[in-house]
Amino acid sequence: MIRAVLFDWGNTLMRDCPEQSGPMSAWEVVEAMPNAESCLQRISSRVPCFLATNARDSSKADICTALRRVRLHSYISDIFCFRETGQLKPDAGYFAWICEKLQLDAGEIMLVGDDLATDYRGATAAGLAAVLYDPAGKHPDIEHRISDLSQLSLAMFH
């Protein structure tokens, strides 16, 4: 049973703009991904939702500020970033650190992210349930794949 959901940040919950630099919280324009708020609202009413990111430019406070700008902050129970974990996805240690912090077994956690190697394969290798967010449809062969955040369901792993 899934007891927590980790969401990747850039291009999963919020649009990453490569032409921007520095912490996303300081960018002139920030944007939530389509249906991110309704997805978080629906999923967080059933299990706690967390943010798991490799972003190096942003602290937890910076990330929370960026989430607040697009009204997503209230759905996120905690933020796991490089500055806190000292590790990066897809390292097994990154996911083990989060499992320990949440006091959950890997199989009780679902990660949703847009990067096949870093998010999906990294999480599955560490024993987590994983869903690839693939709006462009680049990876039709992946079993647990969604093209829109509105398609995310905890029942995918029951």
Foldseek 3Di string as FASTA:
>chain_A
DAAEEEEEDDPTQWDDDVVDDAQLLPDPDIGTDPPNQVLLVVVLVPHQYAYEYADPRDDQVSVLSSCVVHVNNVSHPGYHYCVRQVDFFLDLSSLVVVCVVVVHQQCNYEYEEADCRRTVVSSVVNPHHYAHAHLPCPCVPDPRYDNHSVPDDPVVND
